[in-house]
Amino acid sequence: MKIQKYFDELKRSMEYLAEDPTAIFLGQAVAYAGTAMSNTLKDISLDRKVEIPVDEDMQMGMTNGLALQGKLPVSIFPRWNFFLLATNQLVNHLDKFSEMSAGGYQPKAIIRTGIGSERPLHPGHQHIGDYTDAYKKMLNNVEIIRLEDPKDIFPAYEKAHTRTDGKSTILVEYGDYYNEK
């Protein structure tokens, strides 16, 4: 298959995940337009999407609960800068469930976040952070994958979906690449 553009591969990946009946897409601008990520979900049924108010800690807590119930939450935080507010639920809970339960619970979540675009207009430093390396140091049971090239996108989401190693996955997008690659 010919590799598509960055945006097209993200959209294809979301549609692939939507084929899983346990997948639930949740976050800000998921059911309604509002970010570039919203457009990657436009062909997914509204009944599979849960719009969340601006409350990242609550969203990550809901993600954890859905994962513990055997659902596949695809939790969308448009930028790392906002995802910082979900750190408690991510580091102290999702990442530690396996250890806290002696391997009894190994919930799996897929988390989308991004490094905000700087072109054509710089949105301010509170929107363009990349905290990938810092989070890699804090997490043992959550893998972080940067999506730098369109050819890597679908395989990364496929890995996140089919993995059986008890890990969740954070996939980091680059806002500038939506129109550049």
N, C-alpha and C. Protein backbone atom coordinates (compact mmCIF):
# COMPACT_ATOMS: atom_id res chain seq x y z
N MET A 1 0.84 -1.19 0.00
CA MET A 1 0.00 0.00 0.00
C MET A 1 0.88 1.24 0.00
N LYS A 2 0.51 2.20 -0.80
CA LYS A 2 1.25 3.45 -0.88
C LYS A 2 1.03 4.25 0.40
N ILE A 3 2.11 4.77 0.94
CA ILE A 3 2.00 5.58 2.15
C ILE A 3 1.37 6.92 1.79
N GLN A 4 0.40 7.29 2.57
CA GLN A 4 -0.32 8.54 2.37
C GLN A 4 0.37 9.68 3.11
N LYS A 5 -0.29 10.78 3.13
CA LYS A 5 0.21 11.94 3.87
C LYS A 5 -0.03 11.73 5.37
N TYR A 6 0.66 12.53 6.16
CA TYR A 6 0.61 12.45 7.62
C TYR A 6 -0.83 12.42 8.12
N PHE A 7 -1.63 13.41 7.75
CA PHE A 7 -3.02 13.48 8.19
C PHE A 7 -3.79 12.24 7.75
N ASP A 8 -3.61 11.83 6.51
CA ASP A 8 -4.35 10.68 5.99
C ASP A 8 -4.04 9.41 6.76
N GLU A 9 -2.79 9.24 7.15
CA GLU A 9 -2.40 8.06 7.91
C GLU A 9 -3.00 8.09 9.32
N LEU A 10 -3.09 9.29 9.91
CA LEU A 10 -3.76 9.41 11.22
C LEU A 10 -5.23 9.05 11.10
N LYS A 11 -5.88 9.56 10.08
CA LYS A 11 -7.30 9.28 9.87
C LYS A 11 -7.51 7.78 9.62
N ARG A 12 -6.69 7.19 8.81
CA ARG A 12 -6.77 5.75 8.53
C ARG A 12 -6.59 4.95 9.83
N SER A 13 -5.66 5.38 10.66
CA SER A 13 -5.41 4.69 11.92
C SER A 13 -6.62 4.77 12.85
N MET A 14 -7.27 5.93 12.91
CA MET A 14 -8.45 6.07 13.76
C MET A 14 -9.59 5.19 13.25
N GLU A 15 -9.75 5.12 11.95
CA GLU A 15 -10.80 4.28 11.38
C GLU A 15 -10.50 2.80 11.63
N TYR A 16 -9.23 2.43 11.59
CA TYR A 16 -8.82 1.06 11.92
C TYR A 16 -9.19 0.75 13.38
N LEU A 17 -8.85 1.65 14.30
CA LEU A 17 -9.18 1.43 15.70
C LEU A 17 -10.69 1.34 15.92
N ALA A 18 -11.45 2.12 15.16
CA ALA A 18 -12.91 2.13 15.30
C ALA A 18 -13.54 0.80 14.90
N GLU A 19 -12.80 -0.03 14.16
CA GLU A 19 -13.30 -1.36 13.81
C GLU A 19 -13.38 -2.27 15.04
N ASP A 20 -12.63 -1.93 16.07
CA ASP A 20 -12.66 -2.70 17.32
C ASP A 20 -13.90 -2.26 18.09
N PRO A 21 -14.84 -3.17 18.36
CA PRO A 21 -16.07 -2.76 19.05
C PRO A 21 -15.85 -2.27 20.48
N THR A 22 -14.66 -2.52 21.06
CA THR A 22 -14.39 -2.04 22.41
C THR A 22 -13.78 -0.64 22.43
N ALA A 23 -13.43 -0.11 21.26
CA ALA A 23 -12.78 1.20 21.19
C ALA A 23 -13.77 2.32 21.47
N ILE A 24 -13.35 3.25 22.32
CA ILE A 24 -14.12 4.45 22.64
C ILE A 24 -13.15 5.62 22.52
N PHE A 25 -13.53 6.63 21.77
CA PHE A 25 -12.70 7.81 21.55
C PHE A 25 -13.18 8.91 22.49
N LEU A 26 -12.28 9.42 23.33
CA LEU A 26 -12.71 10.44 24.26
C LEU A 26 -11.68 11.57 24.34
N GLY A 27 -12.20 12.76 24.63
CA GLY A 27 -11.34 13.93 24.78
C GLY A 27 -12.06 15.20 24.38
N GLN A 28 -11.29 16.25 24.32
CA GLN A 28 -11.80 17.56 23.90
C GLN A 28 -11.80 17.62 22.38
N ALA A 29 -12.83 18.15 21.80
CA ALA A 29 -12.96 18.30 20.35
C ALA A 29 -12.89 16.93 19.67
N VAL A 30 -13.55 15.95 20.28
CA VAL A 30 -13.62 14.61 19.71
C VAL A 30 -14.94 14.44 18.96
N ALA A 31 -16.03 14.79 19.59
CA ALA A 31 -17.34 14.68 18.96
C ALA A 31 -17.68 15.94 18.14
N TYR A 32 -17.00 17.01 18.43
CA TYR A 32 -17.25 18.28 17.74
C TYR A 32 -15.92 18.86 17.27
N ALA A 33 -15.96 19.61 16.20
CA ALA A 33 -14.74 20.19 15.64
C ALA A 33 -14.09 21.13 16.65
N GLY A 34 -12.79 21.29 16.51
CA GLY A 34 -12.10 22.21 17.41
C GLY A 34 -10.59 22.15 17.29
N THR A 35 -10.06 21.02 16.84
CA THR A 35 -8.61 20.90 16.65
C THR A 35 -8.36 20.15 15.34
N ALA A 36 -7.11 20.14 14.92
CA ALA A 36 -6.76 19.38 13.72
C ALA A 36 -7.04 17.89 13.95
N MET A 37 -6.87 17.43 15.19
CA MET A 37 -7.13 16.03 15.50
C MET A 37 -8.60 15.67 15.27
N SER A 38 -9.50 16.63 15.47
CA SER A 38 -10.93 16.38 15.29
C SER A 38 -11.23 15.83 13.90
N ASN A 39 -10.55 16.36 12.91
CA ASN A 39 -10.81 15.95 11.53
C ASN A 39 -10.42 14.50 11.27
N THR A 40 -9.53 13.94 12.07
CA THR A 40 -9.15 12.53 11.88
C THR A 40 -10.24 11.59 12.37
N LEU A 41 -11.23 12.14 13.08
CA LEU A 41 -12.32 11.34 13.64
C LEU A 41 -13.65 11.58 12.96
N LYS A 42 -13.67 12.42 11.93
CA LYS A 42 -14.95 12.88 11.38
C LYS A 42 -15.82 11.76 10.81
N ASP A 43 -15.23 10.65 10.38
CA ASP A 43 -16.02 9.56 9.81
C ASP A 43 -16.30 8.43 10.80
N ILE A 44 -16.00 8.68 12.06
CA ILE A 44 -16.28 7.69 13.11
C ILE A 44 -17.63 8.04 13.72
N SER A 45 -18.43 7.03 13.94
CA SER A 45 -19.78 7.22 14.46
C SER A 45 -19.78 8.02 15.77
N LEU A 46 -20.71 8.94 15.88
CA LEU A 46 -20.83 9.79 17.06
C LEU A 46 -21.03 8.97 18.34
N ASP A 47 -21.69 7.82 18.23
CA ASP A 47 -21.92 7.01 19.43
C ASP A 47 -20.66 6.32 19.96
N ARG A 48 -19.54 6.45 19.24
CA ARG A 48 -18.25 5.90 19.69
C ARG A 48 -17.36 6.98 20.28
N LYS A 49 -17.87 8.23 20.31
CA LYS A 49 -17.07 9.37 20.77
C LYS A 49 -17.70 9.99 22.01
N VAL A 50 -16.84 10.33 22.97
CA VAL A 50 -17.30 10.96 24.20
C VAL A 50 -16.58 12.30 24.33
N GLU A 51 -17.34 13.36 24.23
CA GLU A 51 -16.79 14.71 24.37
C GLU A 51 -16.58 15.01 25.85
N ILE A 52 -15.38 15.44 26.19
CA ILE A 52 -15.01 15.71 27.58
C ILE A 52 -14.77 17.22 27.74
N PRO A 53 -15.24 17.81 28.83
CA PRO A 53 -14.91 19.22 29.07
C PRO A 53 -13.42 19.37 29.37
N VAL A 54 -12.97 20.58 29.48
CA VAL A 54 -11.55 20.84 29.77
C VAL A 54 -11.27 20.43 31.21
N ASP A 55 -10.93 19.16 31.38
CA ASP A 55 -10.61 18.59 32.68
C ASP A 55 -9.76 17.34 32.43
N GLU A 56 -8.50 17.58 32.15
CA GLU A 56 -7.60 16.51 31.71
C GLU A 56 -7.42 15.42 32.76
N ASP A 57 -7.35 15.78 34.03
CA ASP A 57 -7.20 14.77 35.08
C ASP A 57 -8.41 13.84 35.10
N MET A 58 -9.59 14.41 34.98
CA MET A 58 -10.81 13.61 34.93
C MET A 58 -10.80 12.71 33.69
N GLN A 59 -10.41 13.27 32.56
CA GLN A 59 -10.37 12.49 31.32
C GLN A 59 -9.45 11.28 31.46
N MET A 60 -8.28 11.49 32.05
CA MET A 60 -7.34 10.38 32.22
C MET A 60 -7.89 9.37 33.22
N GLY A 61 -8.60 9.85 34.23
CA GLY A 61 -9.24 8.94 35.17
C GLY A 61 -10.31 8.10 34.48
N MET A 62 -11.09 8.71 33.60
CA MET A 62 -12.09 7.97 32.83
C MET A 62 -11.41 6.96 31.91
N THR A 63 -10.29 7.37 31.33
CA THR A 63 -9.52 6.47 30.47
C THR A 63 -9.10 5.24 31.26
N ASN A 64 -8.58 5.46 32.47
CA ASN A 64 -8.17 4.35 33.32
C ASN A 64 -9.35 3.42 33.62
N GLY A 65 -10.47 4.01 34.00
CA GLY A 65 -11.65 3.20 34.33
C GLY A 65 -12.15 2.39 33.15
N LEU A 66 -12.19 3.00 31.98
CA LEU A 66 -12.61 2.26 30.78
C LEU A 66 -11.66 1.11 30.48
N ALA A 67 -10.36 1.38 30.60
CA ALA A 67 -9.37 0.33 30.34
C ALA A 67 -9.51 -0.82 31.35
N LEU A 68 -9.76 -0.49 32.60
CA LEU A 68 -9.95 -1.53 33.63
C LEU A 68 -11.19 -2.38 33.36
N GLN A 69 -12.17 -1.79 32.66
CA GLN A 69 -13.40 -2.52 32.32
C GLN A 69 -13.26 -3.34 31.04
N GLY A 70 -12.06 -3.33 30.44
CA GLY A 70 -11.85 -4.10 29.22
C GLY A 70 -12.15 -3.36 27.94
N LYS A 71 -12.47 -2.09 28.05
CA LYS A 71 -12.66 -1.28 26.84
C LYS A 71 -11.30 -0.84 26.33
N LEU A 72 -11.25 -0.34 25.10
CA LEU A 72 -10.03 0.23 24.54
C LEU A 72 -10.23 1.73 24.41
N PRO A 73 -9.87 2.48 25.45
CA PRO A 73 -10.01 3.93 25.34
C PRO A 73 -8.92 4.49 24.43
N VAL A 74 -9.35 5.34 23.52
CA VAL A 74 -8.44 6.12 22.69
C VAL A 74 -8.64 7.55 23.18
N SER A 75 -7.75 7.96 24.07
CA SER A 75 -7.91 9.22 24.79
C SER A 75 -7.07 10.29 24.12
N ILE A 76 -7.71 11.39 23.77
CA ILE A 76 -7.07 12.40 22.94
C ILE A 76 -6.87 13.70 23.71
N PHE A 77 -5.60 14.06 23.84
CA PHE A 77 -5.17 15.31 24.47
C PHE A 77 -4.44 16.10 23.38
N PRO A 78 -5.03 17.15 22.83
CA PRO A 78 -4.46 17.80 21.64
C PRO A 78 -3.00 18.26 21.77
N ARG A 79 -2.54 18.57 22.98
CA ARG A 79 -1.16 19.01 23.12
C ARG A 79 -0.56 18.49 24.42
N TRP A 80 0.76 18.24 24.39
CA TRP A 80 1.47 17.85 25.60
C TRP A 80 1.22 18.84 26.73
N ASN A 81 1.20 20.13 26.39
CA ASN A 81 1.04 21.15 27.43
C ASN A 81 -0.24 20.94 28.23
N PHE A 82 -1.29 20.47 27.60
CA PHE A 82 -2.55 20.21 28.30
C PHE A 82 -2.50 18.86 29.00
N PHE A 83 -1.82 17.91 28.39
CA PHE A 83 -1.71 16.57 28.94
C PHE A 83 -0.97 16.57 30.28
N LEU A 84 -0.16 17.60 30.52
CA LEU A 84 0.52 17.73 31.82
C LEU A 84 -0.47 17.60 32.98
N LEU A 85 -1.68 18.10 32.78
CA LEU A 85 -2.68 18.10 33.84
C LEU A 85 -3.23 16.71 34.12
N ALA A 86 -2.91 15.74 33.30
CA ALA A 86 -3.35 14.36 33.50
C ALA A 86 -2.24 13.49 34.09
N THR A 87 -1.12 14.10 34.43
CA THR A 87 0.06 13.35 34.87
C THR A 87 -0.23 12.46 36.08
N ASN A 88 -0.97 12.94 37.04
CA ASN A 88 -1.28 12.14 38.21
C ASN A 88 -1.92 10.81 37.82
N GLN A 89 -2.97 10.86 37.03
CA GLN A 89 -3.68 9.64 36.64
C GLN A 89 -2.81 8.73 35.78
N LEU A 90 -1.97 9.32 34.95
CA LEU A 90 -1.09 8.54 34.08
C LEU A 90 0.03 7.86 34.86
N VAL A 91 0.79 8.64 35.62
CA VAL A 91 1.99 8.13 36.28
C VAL A 91 1.64 7.30 37.51
N ASN A 92 0.71 7.76 38.32
CA ASN A 92 0.40 7.07 39.58
C ASN A 92 -0.62 5.96 39.45
N HIS A 93 -1.32 5.89 38.31
CA HIS A 93 -2.38 4.89 38.18
C HIS A 93 -2.17 4.01 36.94
N LEU A 94 -2.41 4.54 35.75
CA LEU A 94 -2.32 3.69 34.55
C LEU A 94 -0.98 2.97 34.49
N ASP A 95 0.09 3.68 34.73
CA ASP A 95 1.42 3.09 34.65
C ASP A 95 1.68 2.08 35.77
N LYS A 96 0.97 2.16 36.87
CA LYS A 96 1.27 1.34 38.05
C LYS A 96 0.26 0.23 38.33
N PHE A 97 -0.83 0.15 37.57
CA PHE A 97 -1.85 -0.86 37.86
C PHE A 97 -1.27 -2.27 37.93
N SER A 98 -0.42 -2.61 37.00
CA SER A 98 0.16 -3.96 36.99
C SER A 98 0.96 -4.23 38.27
N GLU A 99 1.79 -3.27 38.67
CA GLU A 99 2.59 -3.45 39.88
C GLU A 99 1.72 -3.46 41.14
N MET A 100 0.72 -2.57 41.18
CA MET A 100 -0.14 -2.50 42.36
C MET A 100 -0.97 -3.77 42.54
N SER A 101 -1.22 -4.47 41.43
CA SER A 101 -2.07 -5.66 41.50
C SER A 101 -1.29 -6.96 41.29
N ALA A 102 0.04 -6.88 41.40
CA ALA A 102 0.91 -8.05 41.17
C ALA A 102 0.58 -8.73 39.84
N GLY A 103 0.36 -7.89 38.82
CA GLY A 103 0.08 -8.41 37.48
C GLY A 103 -1.37 -8.77 37.23
N GLY A 104 -2.21 -8.59 38.24
CA GLY A 104 -3.63 -8.93 38.10
C GLY A 104 -4.40 -8.03 37.14
N TYR A 105 -3.98 -6.78 37.05
CA TYR A 105 -4.61 -5.83 36.13
C TYR A 105 -3.55 -5.28 35.20
N GLN A 106 -3.81 -5.41 33.92
CA GLN A 106 -2.92 -4.86 32.91
C GLN A 106 -3.76 -4.14 31.86
N PRO A 107 -4.41 -3.07 32.26
CA PRO A 107 -5.29 -2.37 31.32
C PRO A 107 -4.48 -1.72 30.20
N LYS A 108 -5.12 -1.63 29.04
CA LYS A 108 -4.46 -1.04 27.87
C LYS A 108 -5.25 0.17 27.40
N ALA A 109 -4.54 1.29 27.25
CA ALA A 109 -5.13 2.51 26.71
C ALA A 109 -4.23 3.01 25.59
N ILE A 110 -4.85 3.68 24.65
CA ILE A 110 -4.11 4.37 23.59
C ILE A 110 -4.35 5.85 23.81
N ILE A 111 -3.26 6.60 23.90
CA ILE A 111 -3.36 8.02 24.18
C ILE A 111 -2.71 8.78 23.04
N ARG A 112 -3.45 9.75 22.49
CA ARG A 112 -2.92 10.63 21.46
C ARG A 112 -2.63 11.98 22.08
N THR A 113 -1.45 12.50 21.80
CA THR A 113 -1.14 13.86 22.17
C THR A 113 -0.29 14.45 21.06
N GLY A 114 0.01 15.73 21.18
CA GLY A 114 0.77 16.35 20.10
C GLY A 114 1.64 17.50 20.55
N ILE A 115 2.58 17.78 19.69
CA ILE A 115 3.42 18.96 19.81
C ILE A 115 2.76 19.98 18.90
N GLY A 116 2.32 21.08 19.47
CA GLY A 116 1.54 22.06 18.71
C GLY A 116 2.30 22.64 17.53
N SER A 117 1.55 22.98 16.51
CA SER A 117 2.15 23.54 15.29
C SER A 117 2.65 24.97 15.56
N GLU A 118 3.72 25.31 14.89
CA GLU A 118 4.29 26.65 14.99
C GLU A 118 4.14 27.43 13.69
N ARG A 119 3.72 26.75 12.64
CA ARG A 119 3.60 27.38 11.34
C ARG A 119 2.18 27.20 10.82
N PRO A 120 1.58 28.15 10.24
CA PRO A 120 2.14 29.45 9.85
C PRO A 120 2.12 30.49 10.96
N LEU A 121 1.48 30.17 12.07
CA LEU A 121 1.36 31.14 13.16
C LEU A 121 1.81 30.48 14.46
N HIS A 122 2.72 31.10 15.17
CA HIS A 122 3.20 30.57 16.45
C HIS A 122 2.13 30.83 17.51
N PRO A 123 1.61 29.78 18.17
CA PRO A 123 0.50 29.94 19.10
C PRO A 123 0.91 30.34 20.51
N GLY A 124 2.19 30.43 20.78
CA GLY A 124 2.67 30.73 22.12
C GLY A 124 3.31 29.50 22.72
N HIS A 125 4.21 29.71 23.62
CA HIS A 125 5.00 28.62 24.17
C HIS A 125 4.20 27.64 25.02
N GLN A 126 3.03 28.05 25.48
CA GLN A 126 2.18 27.16 26.26
C GLN A 126 1.46 26.13 25.38
N HIS A 127 1.74 26.14 24.07
CA HIS A 127 1.09 25.21 23.15
C HIS A 127 2.06 24.33 22.37
N ILE A 128 3.36 24.52 22.51
CA ILE A 128 4.30 23.83 21.62
C ILE A 128 5.27 22.91 22.36
N GLY A 129 5.03 22.60 23.61
CA GLY A 129 5.94 21.77 24.38
C GLY A 129 6.03 20.34 23.88
N ASP A 130 7.20 19.76 24.06
CA ASP A 130 7.41 18.34 23.78
C ASP A 130 8.02 17.74 25.05
N TYR A 131 7.22 17.03 25.81
CA TYR A 131 7.66 16.47 27.07
C TYR A 131 7.90 14.96 26.98
N THR A 132 8.09 14.49 25.76
CA THR A 132 8.27 13.06 25.52
C THR A 132 9.39 12.48 26.38
N ASP A 133 10.56 13.08 26.34
CA ASP A 133 11.71 12.52 27.06
C ASP A 133 11.49 12.50 28.57
N ALA A 134 10.89 13.55 29.10
CA ALA A 134 10.63 13.59 30.55
C ALA A 134 9.65 12.49 30.95
N TYR A 135 8.61 12.28 30.16
CA TYR A 135 7.63 11.25 30.50
C TYR A 135 8.21 9.85 30.34
N LYS A 136 9.09 9.66 29.39
CA LYS A 136 9.72 8.35 29.23
C LYS A 136 10.47 7.96 30.50
N LYS A 137 11.02 8.95 31.19
CA LYS A 137 11.74 8.68 32.44
C LYS A 137 10.81 8.32 33.59
N MET A 138 9.55 8.74 33.50
CA MET A 138 8.60 8.49 34.59
C MET A 138 7.79 7.21 34.42
N LEU A 139 7.75 6.66 33.23
CA LEU A 139 6.82 5.57 32.92
C LEU A 139 7.54 4.24 32.70
N ASN A 140 6.99 3.19 33.28
CA ASN A 140 7.52 1.83 33.09
C ASN A 140 6.62 0.96 32.23
N ASN A 141 5.32 1.19 32.30
CA ASN A 141 4.36 0.33 31.61
C ASN A 141 3.55 1.07 30.55
N VAL A 142 4.05 2.21 30.14
CA VAL A 142 3.44 2.98 29.07
C VAL A 142 4.57 3.34 28.11
N GLU A 143 4.41 2.92 26.87
CA GLU A 143 5.42 3.25 25.85
C GLU A 143 5.02 4.53 25.14
N ILE A 144 6.00 5.35 24.83
CA ILE A 144 5.76 6.59 24.10
C ILE A 144 6.42 6.47 22.73
N ILE A 145 5.65 6.76 21.70
CA ILE A 145 6.15 6.68 20.33
C ILE A 145 5.91 8.02 19.65
N ARG A 146 6.98 8.64 19.16
CA ARG A 146 6.85 9.87 18.37
C ARG A 146 6.52 9.48 16.94
N LEU A 147 5.54 10.15 16.37
CA LEU A 147 5.11 9.88 14.99
C LEU A 147 5.74 10.92 14.08
N GLU A 148 6.97 10.65 13.66
CA GLU A 148 7.73 11.63 12.89
C GLU A 148 7.53 11.49 11.39
N ASP A 149 7.19 10.32 10.92
CA ASP A 149 7.09 10.09 9.48
C ASP A 149 5.76 9.42 9.18
N PRO A 150 5.08 9.81 8.11
CA PRO A 150 3.79 9.19 7.80
C PRO A 150 3.83 7.67 7.73
N LYS A 151 4.93 7.11 7.24
CA LYS A 151 5.01 5.65 7.10
C LYS A 151 5.01 4.93 8.45
N ASP A 152 5.32 5.64 9.52
CA ASP A 152 5.38 5.04 10.86
C ASP A 152 4.05 5.09 11.61
N ILE A 153 3.11 5.86 11.12
CA ILE A 153 1.89 6.11 11.88
C ILE A 153 1.02 4.87 12.02
N PHE A 154 0.60 4.29 10.91
CA PHE A 154 -0.30 3.13 11.01
C PHE A 154 0.34 1.97 11.75
N PRO A 155 1.61 1.61 11.48
CA PRO A 155 2.22 0.52 12.25
C PRO A 155 2.28 0.81 13.76
N ALA A 156 2.47 2.06 14.13
CA ALA A 156 2.51 2.41 15.55
C ALA A 156 1.14 2.21 16.20
N TYR A 157 0.08 2.63 15.51
CA TYR A 157 -1.26 2.43 16.06
C TYR A 157 -1.65 0.95 16.06
N GLU A 158 -1.23 0.23 15.04
CA GLU A 158 -1.49 -1.20 15.00
C GLU A 158 -0.79 -1.91 16.16
N LYS A 159 0.45 -1.52 16.44
CA LYS A 159 1.18 -2.07 17.59
C LYS A 159 0.45 -1.76 18.89
N ALA A 160 0.04 -0.50 19.05
CA ALA A 160 -0.66 -0.10 20.27
C ALA A 160 -1.95 -0.91 20.45
N HIS A 161 -2.62 -1.19 19.37
CA HIS A 161 -3.89 -1.91 19.41
C HIS A 161 -3.70 -3.40 19.70
N THR A 162 -2.71 -4.01 19.09
CA THR A 162 -2.57 -5.46 19.18
C THR A 162 -1.60 -5.93 20.25
N ARG A 163 -0.95 -5.02 20.93
CA ARG A 163 0.07 -5.44 21.90
C ARG A 163 -0.54 -6.28 23.01
N THR A 164 0.26 -7.25 23.46
CA THR A 164 -0.18 -8.17 24.52
C THR A 164 0.80 -8.17 25.69
N ASP A 165 1.64 -7.14 25.76
CA ASP A 165 2.68 -7.09 26.79
C ASP A 165 2.24 -6.34 28.05
N GLY A 166 0.96 -6.00 28.14
CA GLY A 166 0.46 -5.32 29.33
C GLY A 166 0.76 -3.84 29.37
N LYS A 167 1.16 -3.27 28.25
CA LYS A 167 1.51 -1.85 28.22
C LYS A 167 0.47 -1.03 27.47
N SER A 168 0.37 0.21 27.88
CA SER A 168 -0.41 1.20 27.15
C SER A 168 0.56 1.97 26.27
N THR A 169 0.00 2.80 25.38
CA THR A 169 0.84 3.53 24.43
C THR A 169 0.40 4.98 24.33
N ILE A 170 1.38 5.87 24.35
CA ILE A 170 1.15 7.28 24.03
C ILE A 170 1.78 7.52 22.67
N LEU A 171 0.99 8.06 21.75
CA LEU A 171 1.49 8.38 20.42
C LEU A 171 1.53 9.90 20.28
N VAL A 172 2.70 10.40 19.94
CA VAL A 172 2.95 11.84 19.91
C VAL A 172 2.98 12.33 18.47
N GLU A 173 2.06 13.21 18.14
CA GLU A 173 1.96 13.77 16.80
C GLU A 173 2.63 15.14 16.74
N TYR A 174 2.93 15.55 15.54
CA TYR A 174 3.52 16.86 15.27
C TYR A 174 2.49 17.68 14.49
N GLY A 175 1.99 18.72 15.12
CA GLY A 175 0.98 19.55 14.49
C GLY A 175 1.41 20.13 13.15
N ASP A 176 2.68 20.50 13.03
CA ASP A 176 3.15 21.09 11.78
C ASP A 176 3.12 20.08 10.63
N TYR A 177 3.20 18.80 10.93
CA TYR A 177 3.27 17.79 9.88
C TYR A 177 1.92 17.52 9.23
N TYR A 178 0.83 17.94 9.85
CA TYR A 178 -0.49 17.71 9.25
C TYR A 178 -0.56 18.29 7.84
N ASN A 179 0.09 19.41 7.62
CA ASN A 179 0.07 20.05 6.31
C ASN A 179 1.40 19.98 5.57
N GLU A 180 2.44 19.51 6.24
CA GLU A 180 3.77 19.54 5.64
C GLU A 180 4.24 18.19 5.12
N LYS A 181 3.74 17.12 5.64
CA LYS A 181 4.22 15.80 5.21
C LYS A 181 3.10 14.99 4.60
